[in-house]
Amino acid sequence: MLRLLLLFLATLDVSLSTDTLKQGEILYVSIGSEEPGLVSFYYRGDPYHLLPFNDRLVAMIGTSYHTNPGRKDVRVVFRQGMSEEVVDTFVQVVDKNFRKSVITLPPSKQRTIDASEKERKQREYEEVVEVLNARSGTYYSLIPEMFPCARKISGTYGDERWTNGRKLWHHSGLDIAVAEGTPILAPCAGVVVMARDTFIRQGTFVILDHGMGLKSLYYHMIEKNVENGDIVKAGDTLGFAGSTGIATGPHLHMGLYVHGVPVDPLFWLERKEPF
C-alpha cells in the first residue's frame, strides 16, 4: 500500500492504495486516528461512508470506462471538539485502452435486441440500476475469497461490444467461459438483493450486496439457487451457468459495482488484501 504522508498530524494517518488509477480500478482508502474524534471522507467533494475495519476506517471508490481521466480530489476531515484538521490530496485517473470485441448473435437471440421489445428491456434495465444504486444495508464482506467459477476468461471489462457494424455498449463486467450447468459460487459473503428469471438482456441472474456500496452480479444462468433476502457465505452456490438472455453461448457474466459505478471485477478478485 502506498502511504501518502501529505501533512503530519498528531492524530490522523491517511493511506491511499495508489496515487494513479486506470479507468475501471478501485481506490481503497484507510484512515487511522490516535485520538477519538469525528472523521469525514470526501471524494470529488461528495461525502462517502467510512466502515470500521481492523481498528481503522476504510472506504472504496470506483472508477469506470465513463470516468474522465484527470485529477480527482480527496479530502479527510478530523473534528475533535472545536478543533478541525484537514488532509487534502488527490488521485490521478488515466486512460485504459479497451479492446474492440465483435459479437455475433445466433438467430434465436436476434429478437432480444429487436426494437419491438425496447420498452420492456429499458424497464428491466431500470429495475437493475435501481438495485445497484440503492444504499447498502448490513456489512458482510469486502474481501473476495475465490473466483465464482473456473478462471477461463473470455471477455474483459470495458470491451467495446460491436455487432452488425454498430457499437452497442462497453462491456460492464467479466465473461468467464464455462460449460452449461457449472456451479456459480459466491466470492464472499453477502445478501441476495435481486434474483430473477427471463430478463431480456440478463436472462436468469442474481445480485449480491456485500455492504458499504459493494455489489456483485451474475448473469445468464440456466438456473438460480437462491432467492431475494437469502444470506450467503463465500463458496455458496448462487446458480448454474447457462446462456439465457443476450448471450452467444454458455458463460458467466460477472459484474461488480461500487456505489453504483461499474468497476473491473478482475481487479477486485485479484486483490486479496486491499487495506
Protein backbone atom coordinates (compact mmCIF):
# COMPACT_ATOMS: atom_id res chain seq x y z
CA MET A 1 0.00 0.00 0.00
CA LEU A 2 1.20 3.47 -0.90
CA ARG A 3 1.19 5.66 2.20
CA LEU A 4 0.65 9.33 1.41
CA LEU A 5 2.11 11.49 4.18
CA LEU A 6 0.78 14.77 2.93
CA LEU A 7 0.63 16.53 6.23
CA PHE A 8 1.99 15.40 9.60
CA LEU A 9 -0.89 15.43 12.04
CA ALA A 10 -0.61 14.07 15.54
CA THR A 11 -3.99 12.41 15.31
CA LEU A 12 -4.60 11.44 11.69
CA ASP A 13 -2.99 8.92 9.31
CA VAL A 14 -4.40 8.67 5.77
CA SER A 15 -3.40 5.88 3.37
CA LEU A 16 -4.46 5.50 -0.26
CA SER A 17 -3.88 2.27 -2.17
CA THR A 18 -2.33 4.19 -5.08
CA ASP A 19 -1.84 7.67 -6.48
CA THR A 20 -2.78 6.61 -10.04
CA LEU A 21 -5.81 4.61 -11.20
CA LYS A 22 -6.66 3.20 -14.60
CA GLN A 23 -10.30 3.51 -15.66
CA GLY A 24 -12.22 0.67 -14.02
CA GLU A 25 -9.95 0.29 -10.99
CA ILE A 26 -10.85 0.77 -7.33
CA LEU A 27 -9.30 3.21 -4.89
CA TYR A 28 -9.00 1.81 -1.36
CA VAL A 29 -8.79 4.38 1.44
CA SER A 30 -7.65 3.62 5.00
CA ILE A 31 -7.71 6.16 7.84
CA GLY A 32 -6.30 5.82 11.33
CA SER A 33 -6.54 8.20 14.28
CA GLU A 34 -4.55 8.20 17.53
CA GLU A 35 -7.33 10.03 19.37
CA PRO A 36 -11.15 9.79 19.33
CA GLY A 37 -12.97 12.20 17.07
CA LEU A 38 -15.26 12.51 14.06
CA VAL A 39 -13.66 11.59 10.72
CA SER A 40 -15.30 12.55 7.42
CA PHE A 41 -14.18 11.48 3.96
CA TYR A 42 -14.90 13.26 0.66
CA TYR A 43 -14.15 12.26 -2.93
CA ARG A 44 -14.58 14.96 -5.58
CA GLY A 45 -16.49 16.96 -2.98
CA ASP A 46 -19.03 14.21 -2.22
CA PRO A 47 -19.17 12.55 1.22
CA TYR A 48 -18.61 8.78 1.45
CA HIS A 49 -19.43 6.36 4.24
CA LEU A 50 -16.50 5.01 6.27
CA LEU A 51 -16.52 1.48 7.69
CA PRO A 52 -14.59 0.30 10.78
CA PHE A 53 -12.06 -2.31 9.61
CA ASN A 54 -9.12 -3.68 11.64
CA ASP A 55 -9.00 -0.69 14.01
CA ARG A 56 -9.14 1.78 11.12
CA LEU A 57 -11.79 3.41 8.95
CA VAL A 58 -11.96 2.39 5.30
CA ALA A 59 -13.75 3.35 2.09
CA MET A 60 -13.87 2.18 -1.52
CA ILE A 61 -14.15 4.45 -4.56
CA GLY A 62 -14.91 3.08 -8.02
CA THR A 63 -13.87 4.37 -11.43
CA SER A 64 -15.29 3.17 -14.75
CA TYR A 65 -14.88 3.46 -18.51
CA HIS A 66 -17.06 6.59 -18.16
CA THR A 67 -14.68 8.26 -15.67
CA ASN A 68 -12.88 11.15 -17.34
CA PRO A 69 -9.09 11.00 -16.93
CA GLY A 70 -7.58 13.63 -14.69
CA ARG A 71 -7.12 14.72 -11.10
CA LYS A 72 -9.74 13.60 -8.56
CA ASP A 73 -9.65 15.42 -5.22
CA VAL A 74 -9.69 13.55 -1.91
CA ARG A 75 -10.29 15.22 1.47
CA VAL A 76 -10.28 13.84 5.01
CA VAL A 77 -11.58 15.99 7.86
CA PHE A 78 -10.93 15.20 11.53
CA ARG A 79 -13.02 17.02 14.13
CA GLN A 80 -12.40 16.91 17.86
CA GLY A 81 -14.43 19.32 19.92
CA MET A 82 -13.96 22.78 18.44
CA SER A 83 -10.77 21.87 16.56
CA GLU A 84 -10.58 20.61 12.98
CA GLU A 85 -7.74 19.14 10.93
CA VAL A 86 -7.87 18.57 7.18
CA VAL A 87 -5.85 16.41 4.79
CA ASP A 88 -6.22 17.30 1.10
CA THR A 89 -4.76 15.08 -1.62
CA PHE A 90 -5.76 13.62 -4.97
CA VAL A 91 -5.51 10.60 -7.23
CA GLN A 92 -4.90 10.67 -10.95
CA VAL A 93 -7.20 8.67 -13.24
CA VAL A 94 -5.59 7.69 -16.54
CA ASP A 95 -6.92 6.23 -19.79
CA LYS A 96 -7.16 2.49 -20.28
CA ASN A 97 -7.17 1.19 -23.83
CA PHE A 98 -10.25 -1.03 -24.09
CA ARG A 99 -10.48 -3.79 -26.65
CA LYS A 100 -12.93 -3.85 -29.56
CA SER A 101 -14.98 -7.03 -29.47
CA VAL A 102 -17.29 -8.10 -32.30
CA ILE A 103 -20.12 -10.41 -31.23
CA THR A 104 -22.35 -12.49 -33.47
CA LEU A 105 -25.69 -13.45 -32.02
CA PRO A 106 -27.35 -16.67 -33.20
CA PRO A 107 -30.74 -16.27 -34.93
CA SER A 108 -32.53 -17.40 -31.76
CA LYS A 109 -31.11 -14.37 -29.92
CA GLN A 110 -31.70 -11.74 -32.60
CA ARG A 111 -35.19 -10.96 -31.30
CA THR A 112 -33.72 -9.93 -27.96
CA ILE A 113 -32.35 -6.74 -29.48
CA ASP A 114 -35.38 -6.13 -31.70
CA ALA A 115 -36.89 -2.64 -31.38
CA SER A 116 -40.30 -4.15 -30.57
CA GLU A 117 -39.01 -5.18 -27.13
CA LYS A 118 -37.15 -1.94 -26.48
CA GLU A 119 -39.64 -0.71 -23.87
CA ARG A 120 -39.52 -3.92 -21.84
CA LYS A 121 -35.73 -4.06 -22.00
CA GLN A 122 -35.48 -0.45 -20.78
CA ARG A 123 -37.86 -1.18 -17.90
CA GLU A 124 -35.81 -4.21 -16.84
CA TYR A 125 -32.60 -2.18 -17.12
CA GLU A 126 -34.03 0.50 -14.82
CA GLU A 127 -35.03 -2.15 -12.25
CA VAL A 128 -31.47 -3.45 -12.15
CA VAL A 129 -29.97 0.06 -11.95
CA GLU A 130 -32.26 0.92 -9.04
CA VAL A 131 -30.98 -2.07 -7.08
CA LEU A 132 -27.33 -1.34 -7.92
CA ASN A 133 -27.68 2.30 -6.84
CA ALA A 134 -29.60 1.57 -3.63
CA ARG A 135 -27.75 2.21 -0.40
CA SER A 136 -26.23 -0.89 1.17
CA GLY A 137 -27.62 -2.24 4.40
CA THR A 138 -25.74 -4.70 6.60
CA TYR A 139 -22.00 -5.11 6.05
CA TYR A 140 -20.90 -8.65 5.15
CA SER A 141 -17.51 -8.60 3.42
CA LEU A 142 -15.31 -6.53 1.12
CA ILE A 143 -12.66 -9.19 0.51
CA PRO A 144 -13.13 -11.90 -2.18
CA GLU A 145 -12.07 -15.39 -1.15
CA MET A 146 -12.42 -17.14 -4.51
CA PHE A 147 -13.40 -16.87 -8.16
CA PRO A 148 -17.07 -17.63 -8.80
CA CYS A 149 -16.07 -20.49 -11.13
CA ALA A 150 -13.05 -21.80 -13.05
CA ARG A 151 -10.91 -18.94 -14.34
CA LYS A 152 -11.42 -19.15 -18.12
CA ILE A 153 -11.76 -15.50 -19.11
CA SER A 154 -13.38 -14.92 -22.50
CA GLY A 155 -14.32 -11.24 -22.23
CA THR A 156 -12.73 -8.46 -20.22
CA TYR A 157 -14.09 -5.38 -18.53
CA GLY A 158 -14.57 -2.33 -20.76
CA ASP A 159 -14.51 -4.19 -24.10
CA GLU A 160 -16.30 -2.22 -26.82
CA ARG A 161 -19.09 -4.55 -27.97
CA TRP A 162 -19.96 -4.32 -31.68
CA THR A 163 -22.47 -6.24 -33.79
CA ASN A 164 -23.69 -5.68 -37.34
CA GLY A 165 -21.31 -2.71 -37.65
CA ARG A 166 -22.78 -0.93 -34.62
CA LYS A 167 -21.20 -0.22 -31.26
CA LEU A 168 -23.70 -1.41 -28.67
CA TRP A 169 -22.02 -0.74 -25.33
CA HIS A 170 -18.91 -1.06 -23.20
CA HIS A 171 -18.79 -4.48 -21.58
CA SER A 172 -19.53 -3.72 -17.93
CA GLY A 173 -18.10 -6.90 -16.43
CA LEU A 174 -16.04 -10.04 -16.82
CA ASP A 175 -17.02 -13.01 -19.01
CA ILE A 176 -15.92 -16.47 -17.89
CA ALA A 177 -16.38 -19.34 -20.36
CA VAL A 178 -17.68 -22.40 -18.54
CA ALA A 179 -19.92 -25.30 -19.51
CA GLU A 180 -23.66 -25.12 -19.01
CA GLY A 181 -24.58 -26.29 -15.53
CA THR A 182 -21.30 -25.23 -13.91
CA PRO A 183 -21.98 -24.08 -10.32
CA ILE A 184 -21.57 -20.32 -9.78
CA LEU A 185 -20.16 -19.62 -6.32
CA ALA A 186 -20.33 -16.51 -4.13
CA PRO A 187 -16.82 -14.99 -3.96
CA CYS A 188 -17.56 -13.64 -0.47
CA ALA A 189 -20.44 -13.18 1.95
CA GLY A 190 -23.44 -11.06 1.08
CA VAL A 191 -27.21 -10.87 0.87
CA VAL A 192 -29.27 -11.55 -2.27
CA VAL A 193 -30.96 -8.28 -3.26
CA MET A 194 -32.23 -9.43 -6.66
CA ALA A 195 -32.78 -12.91 -8.07
CA ARG A 196 -34.83 -13.01 -11.29
CA ASP A 197 -35.61 -15.02 -14.41
CA THR A 198 -36.37 -14.22 -18.05
CA PHE A 199 -34.99 -10.67 -18.32
CA ILE A 200 -34.22 -9.93 -21.97
CA ARG A 201 -30.58 -8.96 -21.54
CA GLN A 202 -29.63 -10.60 -18.25
CA GLY A 203 -31.55 -13.87 -18.50
CA THR A 204 -31.60 -15.62 -15.14
CA PHE A 205 -29.42 -13.68 -12.71
CA VAL A 206 -28.51 -12.86 -9.11
CA ILE A 207 -27.23 -9.67 -7.46
CA LEU A 208 -25.43 -9.73 -4.09
CA ASP A 209 -24.97 -6.79 -1.72
CA HIS A 210 -21.75 -7.20 0.28
CA GLY A 211 -22.15 -3.95 2.20
CA MET A 212 -20.58 -0.48 2.03
CA GLY A 213 -21.82 0.05 -1.54
CA LEU A 214 -20.16 -3.09 -2.96
CA LYS A 215 -22.44 -5.26 -5.12
CA SER A 216 -21.72 -8.16 -7.44
CA LEU A 217 -23.95 -9.63 -10.15
CA TYR A 218 -24.08 -12.89 -12.08
CA TYR A 219 -25.89 -13.08 -15.46
CA HIS A 220 -27.02 -15.71 -18.00
CA MET A 221 -27.54 -18.60 -15.58
CA ILE A 222 -29.66 -21.57 -16.62
CA GLU A 223 -31.00 -21.81 -13.08
CA LYS A 224 -30.68 -19.80 -9.88
CA ASN A 225 -30.20 -21.45 -6.50
CA VAL A 226 -31.07 -18.51 -4.22
CA GLU A 227 -33.93 -16.08 -3.69
CA ASN A 228 -34.29 -12.46 -2.57
CA GLY A 229 -33.23 -12.00 1.05
CA ASP A 230 -31.03 -15.09 1.25
CA ILE A 231 -27.75 -14.56 3.10
CA VAL A 232 -24.83 -16.38 1.52
CA LYS A 233 -21.24 -17.04 2.54
CA ALA A 234 -18.16 -17.49 0.35
CA GLY A 235 -18.46 -20.70 -1.65
CA ASP A 236 -22.26 -20.99 -1.56
CA THR A 237 -23.86 -21.88 -4.91
CA LEU A 238 -25.79 -18.96 -6.41
CA GLY A 239 -26.91 -20.86 -9.50
CA PHE A 240 -25.64 -22.66 -12.57
CA ALA A 241 -24.03 -21.26 -15.73
CA GLY A 242 -26.06 -21.05 -18.91
CA SER A 243 -26.76 -18.84 -21.91
CA THR A 244 -30.06 -17.18 -21.01
CA GLY A 245 -30.62 -13.57 -22.02
CA ILE A 246 -28.34 -11.96 -24.61
CA ALA A 247 -25.52 -14.50 -24.74
CA THR A 248 -23.69 -16.16 -27.60
CA GLY A 249 -23.13 -19.36 -25.61
CA PRO A 250 -22.80 -20.72 -22.07
CA HIS A 251 -20.76 -18.46 -19.83
CA LEU A 252 -20.90 -16.36 -16.67
CA HIS A 253 -21.03 -12.59 -16.92
CA MET A 254 -19.89 -11.21 -13.57
CA GLY A 255 -20.30 -7.54 -12.81
CA LEU A 256 -19.06 -5.51 -9.85
CA TYR A 257 -20.37 -2.13 -8.69
CA VAL A 258 -19.02 0.29 -6.08
CA HIS A 259 -21.67 2.85 -5.09
CA GLY A 260 -23.38 2.21 -8.42
CA VAL A 261 -20.21 2.60 -10.52
CA PRO A 262 -19.33 -0.42 -12.72
CA VAL A 263 -15.73 -1.43 -11.95
CA ASP A 264 -13.44 -4.21 -13.18
CA PRO A 265 -14.33 -7.45 -11.31
CA LEU A 266 -10.90 -8.92 -12.09
CA PHE A 267 -9.17 -6.05 -10.29
CA TRP A 268 -11.22 -6.84 -7.19
CA LEU A 269 -10.92 -10.63 -7.41
CA GLU A 270 -7.13 -10.49 -7.65
CA ARG A 271 -6.61 -8.03 -4.79
CA LYS A 272 -6.83 -10.14 -1.63
CA GLU A 273 -5.51 -7.57 0.87
CA PRO A 274 -6.69 -4.12 -0.22
CA PHE A 275 -6.26 -2.38 3.14
